[in-house]
């Protein structure tokens, strides 16, 4: 059951990443991709609320633990 739950969470994350972060082939340089993906990651973890976390950001949720 735990493996299924983890797999579902990873699939949801991957779908969000594909939907919200630009496709790698659109970048001219690897460094450009690194900057954009890092900015998206920070937004996802620190700014964007998540419904499965009670509409808190992951950082807020972790702080409440």
PDB file of N, CA and C in Angstrom:
ATOM      1  N   UNK A   1       0.824  -1.201   0.000  1.00  0.00           N
ATOM      2  CA  UNK A   1       0.000   0.000   0.000  1.00  0.00           C
ATOM      3  C   UNK A   1       0.863   1.258   0.000  1.00  0.00           C
ATOM      4  N   UNK A   2       1.957   1.241   0.792  1.00  0.00           N
ATOM      5  CA  UNK A   2       2.820   2.424   0.841  1.00  0.00           C
ATOM      6  C   UNK A   2       3.466   2.686  -0.522  1.00  0.00           C
ATOM      7  N   UNK A   3       3.893   1.638  -1.210  1.00  0.00           N
ATOM      8  CA  UNK A   3       4.511   1.807  -2.526  1.00  0.00           C
ATOM      9  C   UNK A   3       3.515   2.414  -3.508  1.00  0.00           C
ATOM     10  N   UNK A   4       2.269   1.978  -3.449  1.00  0.00           N
ATOM     11  CA  UNK A   4       1.228   2.516  -4.334  1.00  0.00           C
ATOM     12  C   UNK A   4       1.018   4.005  -4.051  1.00  0.00           C
ATOM     13  N   UNK A   5       0.966   4.378  -2.780  1.00  0.00           N
ATOM     14  CA  UNK A   5       0.778   5.776  -2.389  1.00  0.00           C
ATOM     15  C   UNK A   5       1.954   6.629  -2.857  1.00  0.00           C
ATOM     16  N   UNK A   6       3.172   6.124  -2.670  1.00  0.00           N
ATOM     17  CA  UNK A   6       4.355   6.860  -3.115  1.00  0.00           C
ATOM     18  C   UNK A   6       4.351   7.008  -4.628  1.00  0.00           C
ATOM     19  N   UNK A   7       3.976   5.957  -5.339  1.00  0.00           N
ATOM     20  CA  UNK A   7       3.928   5.996  -6.793  1.00  0.00           C
ATOM     21  C   UNK A   7       2.898   7.018  -7.272  1.00  0.00           C
ATOM     22  N   UNK A   8       1.739   7.043  -6.628  1.00  0.00           N
ATOM     23  CA  UNK A   8       0.712   8.023  -6.992  1.00  0.00           C
ATOM     24  C   UNK A   8       1.222   9.448  -6.795  1.00  0.00           C
ATOM     25  N   UNK A   9       1.913   9.687  -5.691  1.00  0.00           N
ATOM     26  CA  UNK A   9       2.449  11.022  -5.406  1.00  0.00           C
ATOM     27  C   UNK A   9       3.494  11.415  -6.454  1.00  0.00           C
ATOM     28  N   UNK A  10       4.357  10.482  -6.824  1.00  0.00           N
ATOM     29  CA  UNK A  10       5.371  10.771  -7.841  1.00  0.00           C
ATOM     30  C   UNK A  10       4.735  11.039  -9.198  1.00  0.00           C
ATOM     31  N   UNK A  11       3.715  10.277  -9.539  1.00  0.00           N
ATOM     32  CA  UNK A  11       3.030  10.499 -10.809  1.00  0.00           C
ATOM     33  C   UNK A  11       2.356  11.865 -10.833  1.00  0.00           C
ATOM     34  N   UNK A  12       1.739  12.276  -9.721  1.00  0.00           N
ATOM     35  CA  UNK A  12       1.115  13.596  -9.641  1.00  0.00           C
ATOM     36  C   UNK A  12       2.163  14.689  -9.802  1.00  0.00           C
ATOM     37  N   UNK A  13       3.298  14.535  -9.095  1.00  0.00           N
ATOM     38  CA  UNK A  13       4.374  15.523  -9.204  1.00  0.00           C
ATOM     39  C   UNK A  13       4.885  15.611 -10.643  1.00  0.00           C
ATOM     40  N   UNK A  14       5.149  14.473 -11.251  1.00  0.00           N
ATOM     41  CA  UNK A  14       5.665  14.470 -12.625  1.00  0.00           C
ATOM     42  C   UNK A  14       4.692  15.125 -13.593  1.00  0.00           C
ATOM     43  N   UNK A  15       3.395  14.871 -13.408  1.00  0.00           N
ATOM     44  CA  UNK A  15       2.385  15.493 -14.268  1.00  0.00           C
ATOM     45  C   UNK A  15       2.388  17.010 -14.085  1.00  0.00           C
ATOM     46  N   UNK A  16       2.453  17.475 -12.824  1.00  0.00           N
ATOM     47  CA  UNK A  16       2.504  18.916 -12.552  1.00  0.00           C
ATOM     48  C   UNK A  16       3.758  19.522 -13.166  1.00  0.00           C
ATOM     49  N   UNK A  17       4.882  18.837 -13.016  1.00  0.00           N
ATOM     50  CA  UNK A  17       6.146  19.346 -13.563  1.00  0.00           C
ATOM     51  C   UNK A  17       6.044  19.489 -15.078  1.00  0.00           C
ATOM     52  N   UNK A  18       5.532  18.472 -15.743  1.00  0.00           N
ATOM     53  CA  UNK A  18       5.391  18.535 -17.206  1.00  0.00           C
ATOM     54  C   UNK A  18       4.427  19.632 -17.626  1.00  0.00           C
ATOM     55  N   UNK A  19       3.344  19.805 -16.879  1.00  0.00           N
ATOM     56  CA  UNK A  19       2.336  20.806 -17.232  1.00  0.00           C
ATOM     57  C   UNK A  19       2.801  22.234 -16.961  1.00  0.00           C
ATOM     58  N   UNK A  20       3.557  22.431 -15.886  1.00  0.00           N
ATOM     59  CA  UNK A  20       3.862  23.789 -15.425  1.00  0.00           C
ATOM     60  C   UNK A  20       5.266  24.271 -15.764  1.00  0.00           C
ATOM     61  N   UNK A  21       6.192  23.378 -15.962  1.00  0.00           N
ATOM     62  CA  UNK A  21       7.574  23.776 -16.244  1.00  0.00           C
ATOM     63  C   UNK A  21       7.853  23.563 -17.738  1.00  0.00           C
ATOM     64  N   UNK A  22       8.484  24.534 -18.373  1.00  0.00           N
ATOM     65  CA  UNK A  22       8.748  24.401 -19.818  1.00  0.00           C
ATOM     66  C   UNK A  22       9.515  23.130 -20.169  1.00  0.00           C
ATOM     67  N   UNK A  23       9.250  22.646 -21.334  1.00  0.00           N
ATOM     68  CA  UNK A  23       9.902  21.446 -21.835  1.00  0.00           C
ATOM     69  C   UNK A  23      11.390  21.717 -22.087  1.00  0.00           C
ATOM     70  N   UNK A  24      12.242  20.761 -21.748  1.00  0.00           N
ATOM     71  CA  UNK A  24      13.693  20.911 -21.874  1.00  0.00           C
ATOM     72  C   UNK A  24      14.120  21.292 -23.294  1.00  0.00           C
ATOM     73  N   UNK A  25      13.441  20.805 -24.312  1.00  0.00           N
ATOM     74  CA  UNK A  25      13.869  21.079 -25.689  1.00  0.00           C
ATOM     75  C   UNK A  25      13.713  22.554 -26.067  1.00  0.00           C
ATOM     76  N   UNK A  26      12.987  23.326 -25.250  1.00  0.00           N
ATOM     77  CA  UNK A  26      12.802  24.743 -25.522  1.00  0.00           C
ATOM     78  C   UNK A  26      13.967  25.593 -25.045  1.00  0.00           C
ATOM     79  N   UNK A  27      14.880  25.017 -24.294  1.00  0.00           N
ATOM     80  CA  UNK A  27      16.015  25.774 -23.766  1.00  0.00           C
ATOM     81  C   UNK A  27      17.184  25.753 -24.748  1.00  0.00           C
ATOM     82  N   UNK A  28      17.855  26.883 -24.824  1.00  0.00           N
ATOM     83  CA  UNK A  28      19.012  26.961 -25.702  1.00  0.00           C
ATOM     84  C   UNK A  28      20.254  26.385 -25.049  1.00  0.00           C
ATOM     85  N   UNK A  29      20.340  26.500 -23.721  1.00  0.00           N
ATOM     86  CA  UNK A  29      21.529  26.051 -22.993  1.00  0.00           C
ATOM     87  C   UNK A  29      21.122  25.289 -21.735  1.00  0.00           C
ATOM     88  N   UNK A  30      21.960  24.381 -21.320  1.00  0.00           N
ATOM     89  CA  UNK A  30      21.702  23.623 -20.096  1.00  0.00           C
ATOM     90  C   UNK A  30      21.613  24.552 -18.892  1.00  0.00           C
ATOM     91  N   UNK A  31      22.456  25.559 -18.854  1.00  0.00           N
ATOM     92  CA  UNK A  31      22.427  26.514 -17.742  1.00  0.00           C
ATOM     93  C   UNK A  31      21.100  27.249 -17.658  1.00  0.00           C
ATOM     94  N   UNK A  32      20.542  27.590 -18.802  1.00  0.00           N
ATOM     95  CA  UNK A  32      19.238  28.253 -18.843  1.00  0.00           C
ATOM     96  C   UNK A  32      18.164  27.324 -18.261  1.00  0.00           C
ATOM     97  N   UNK A  33      18.191  26.058 -18.638  1.00  0.00           N
ATOM     98  CA  UNK A  33      17.237  25.089 -18.110  1.00  0.00           C
ATOM     99  C   UNK A  33      17.386  24.945 -16.607  1.00  0.00           C
ATOM    100  N   UNK A  34      18.614  24.924 -16.137  1.00  0.00           N
ATOM    101  CA  UNK A  34      18.873  24.777 -14.705  1.00  0.00           C
ATOM    102  C   UNK A  34      18.269  25.936 -13.913  1.00  0.00           C
ATOM    103  N   UNK A  35      18.412  27.146 -14.416  1.00  0.00           N
ATOM    104  CA  UNK A  35      17.867  28.328 -13.741  1.00  0.00           C
ATOM    105  C   UNK A  35      16.339  28.286 -13.718  1.00  0.00           C
ATOM    106  N   UNK A  36      15.732  27.955 -14.854  1.00  0.00           N
ATOM    107  CA  UNK A  36      14.268  27.931 -14.945  1.00  0.00           C
ATOM    108  C   UNK A  36      13.687  26.819 -14.077  1.00  0.00           C
ATOM    109  N   UNK A  37      14.281  25.639 -14.124  1.00  0.00           N
ATOM    110  CA  UNK A  37      13.780  24.516 -13.324  1.00  0.00           C
ATOM    111  C   UNK A  37      13.954  24.802 -11.837  1.00  0.00           C
ATOM    112  N   UNK A  38      15.046  25.400 -11.440  1.00  0.00           N
ATOM    113  CA  UNK A  38      15.252  25.753 -10.027  1.00  0.00           C
ATOM    114  C   UNK A  38      14.228  26.790  -9.576  1.00  0.00           C
ATOM    115  N   UNK A  39      13.932  27.768 -10.404  1.00  0.00           N
ATOM    116  CA  UNK A  39      12.913  28.767 -10.063  1.00  0.00           C
ATOM    117  C   UNK A  39      11.550  28.100  -9.917  1.00  0.00           C
ATOM    118  N   UNK A  40      11.229  27.163 -10.808  1.00  0.00           N
ATOM    119  CA  UNK A  40       9.966  26.440 -10.706  1.00  0.00           C
ATOM    120  C   UNK A  40       9.930  25.601  -9.424  1.00  0.00           C
ATOM    121  N   UNK A  41      11.021  24.919  -9.114  1.00  0.00           N
ATOM    122  CA  UNK A  41      11.093  24.080  -7.916  1.00  0.00           C
ATOM    123  C   UNK A  41      10.870  24.910  -6.656  1.00  0.00           C
ATOM    124  N   UNK A  42      11.511  26.072  -6.590  1.00  0.00           N
ATOM    125  CA  UNK A  42      11.346  26.938  -5.421  1.00  0.00           C
ATOM    126  C   UNK A  42       9.900  27.407  -5.310  1.00  0.00           C
ATOM    127  N   UNK A  43       9.301  27.782  -6.427  1.00  0.00           N
ATOM    128  CA  UNK A  43       7.908  28.216  -6.412  1.00  0.00           C
ATOM    129  C   UNK A  43       7.003  27.063  -5.946  1.00  0.00           C
ATOM    130  N   UNK A  44       7.237  25.874  -6.474  1.00  0.00           N
ATOM    131  CA  UNK A  44       6.430  24.700  -6.134  1.00  0.00           C
ATOM    132  C   UNK A  44       6.532  24.384  -4.646  1.00  0.00           C
ATOM    133  N   UNK A  45       7.720  24.495  -4.069  1.00  0.00           N
ATOM    134  CA  UNK A  45       7.948  24.126  -2.676  1.00  0.00           C
ATOM    135  C   UNK A  45       7.713  25.239  -1.673  1.00  0.00           C
ATOM    136  N   UNK A  46       7.799  26.481  -2.097  1.00  0.00           N
ATOM    137  CA  UNK A  46       7.763  27.577  -1.130  1.00  0.00           C
ATOM    138  C   UNK A  46       6.588  28.533  -1.313  1.00  0.00           C
ATOM    139  N   UNK A  47       6.009  28.604  -2.505  1.00  0.00           N
ATOM    140  CA  UNK A  47       4.971  29.598  -2.786  1.00  0.00           C
ATOM    141  C   UNK A  47       3.625  28.933  -3.086  1.00  0.00           C
ATOM    142  N   UNK A  48       3.633  27.927  -3.923  1.00  0.00           N
ATOM    143  CA  UNK A  48       2.403  27.299  -4.411  1.00  0.00           C
ATOM    144  C   UNK A  48       1.762  26.448  -3.329  1.00  0.00           C
ATOM    145  N   UNK A  49       0.484  26.676  -3.084  1.00  0.00           N
ATOM    146  CA  UNK A  49      -0.233  25.844  -2.105  1.00  0.00           C
ATOM    147  C   UNK A  49      -0.601  24.509  -2.752  1.00  0.00           C
ATOM    148  N   UNK A  50      -0.768  23.503  -1.914  1.00  0.00           N
ATOM    149  CA  UNK A  50      -1.075  22.154  -2.385  1.00  0.00           C
ATOM    150  C   UNK A  50      -2.342  21.672  -1.703  1.00  0.00           C
ATOM    151  N   UNK A  51      -3.299  21.226  -2.482  1.00  0.00           N
ATOM    152  CA  UNK A  51      -4.583  20.802  -1.917  1.00  0.00           C
ATOM    153  C   UNK A  51      -4.412  19.637  -0.945  1.00  0.00           C
ATOM    154  N   UNK A  52      -3.502  18.703  -1.258  1.00  0.00           N
ATOM    155  CA  UNK A  52      -3.328  17.548  -0.375  1.00  0.00           C
ATOM    156  C   UNK A  52      -2.601  17.910   0.926  1.00  0.00           C
ATOM    157  N   UNK A  53      -2.127  19.138   1.038  1.00  0.00           N
ATOM    158  CA  UNK A  53      -1.501  19.616   2.283  1.00  0.00           C
ATOM    159  C   UNK A  53      -2.410  20.622   2.977  1.00  0.00           C
ATOM    160  N   UNK A  54      -3.683  20.560   2.678  1.00  0.00           N
ATOM    161  CA  UNK A  54      -4.617  21.495   3.296  1.00  0.00           C
ATOM    162  C   UNK A  54      -4.437  22.913   2.779  1.00  0.00           C
ATOM    163  N   UNK A  55      -4.043  23.032   1.523  1.00  0.00           N
ATOM    164  CA  UNK A  55      -3.815  24.331   0.862  1.00  0.00           C
ATOM    165  C   UNK A  55      -2.717  25.143   1.538  1.00  0.00           C
ATOM    166  N   UNK A  56      -1.743  24.443   2.102  1.00  0.00           N
ATOM    167  CA  UNK A  56      -0.524  25.070   2.599  1.00  0.00           C
ATOM    168  C   UNK A  56       0.590  24.822   1.598  1.00  0.00           C
ATOM    169  N   UNK A  57       1.631  25.620   1.661  1.00  0.00           N
ATOM    170  CA  UNK A  57       2.820  25.300   0.875  1.00  0.00           C
ATOM    171  C   UNK A  57       3.559  24.176   1.577  1.00  0.00           C
ATOM    172  N   UNK A  58       4.395  23.422   0.876  1.00  0.00           N
ATOM    173  CA  UNK A  58       5.167  22.378   1.556  1.00  0.00           C
ATOM    174  C   UNK A  58       6.007  22.949   2.706  1.00  0.00           C
ATOM    175  N   UNK A  59       6.551  24.139   2.539  1.00  0.00           N
ATOM    176  CA  UNK A  59       7.350  24.743   3.609  1.00  0.00           C
ATOM    177  C   UNK A  59       6.482  25.042   4.836  1.00  0.00           C
ATOM    178  N   UNK A  60       5.262  25.563   4.613  1.00  0.00           N
ATOM    179  CA  UNK A  60       4.347  25.832   5.725  1.00  0.00           C
ATOM    180  C   UNK A  60       3.921  24.531   6.404  1.00  0.00           C
ATOM    181  N   UNK A  61       3.633  23.517   5.601  1.00  0.00           N
ATOM    182  CA  UNK A  61       3.224  22.233   6.143  1.00  0.00           C
ATOM    183  C   UNK A  61       4.335  21.643   7.005  1.00  0.00           C
ATOM    184  N   UNK A  62       5.572  21.682   6.504  1.00  0.00           N
ATOM    185  CA  UNK A  62       6.707  21.152   7.259  1.00  0.00           C
ATOM    186  C   UNK A  62       6.924  21.923   8.554  1.00  0.00           C
ATOM    187  N   UNK A  63       6.736  23.225   8.518  1.00  0.00           N
ATOM    188  CA  UNK A  63       6.913  24.044   9.718  1.00  0.00           C
ATOM    189  C   UNK A  63       5.877  23.711  10.787  1.00  0.00           C
ATOM    190  N   UNK A  64       4.699  23.250  10.359  1.00  0.00           N
ATOM    191  CA  UNK A  64       3.637  22.901  11.301  1.00  0.00           C
ATOM    192  C   UNK A  64       3.795  21.504  11.902  1.00  0.00           C
ATOM    193  N   UNK A  65       4.721  20.709  11.394  1.00  0.00           N
ATOM    194  CA  UNK A  65       4.906  19.347  11.912  1.00  0.00           C
ATOM    195  C   UNK A  65       5.591  19.343  13.252  1.00  0.00           C
TER     196      UNK A  65
END
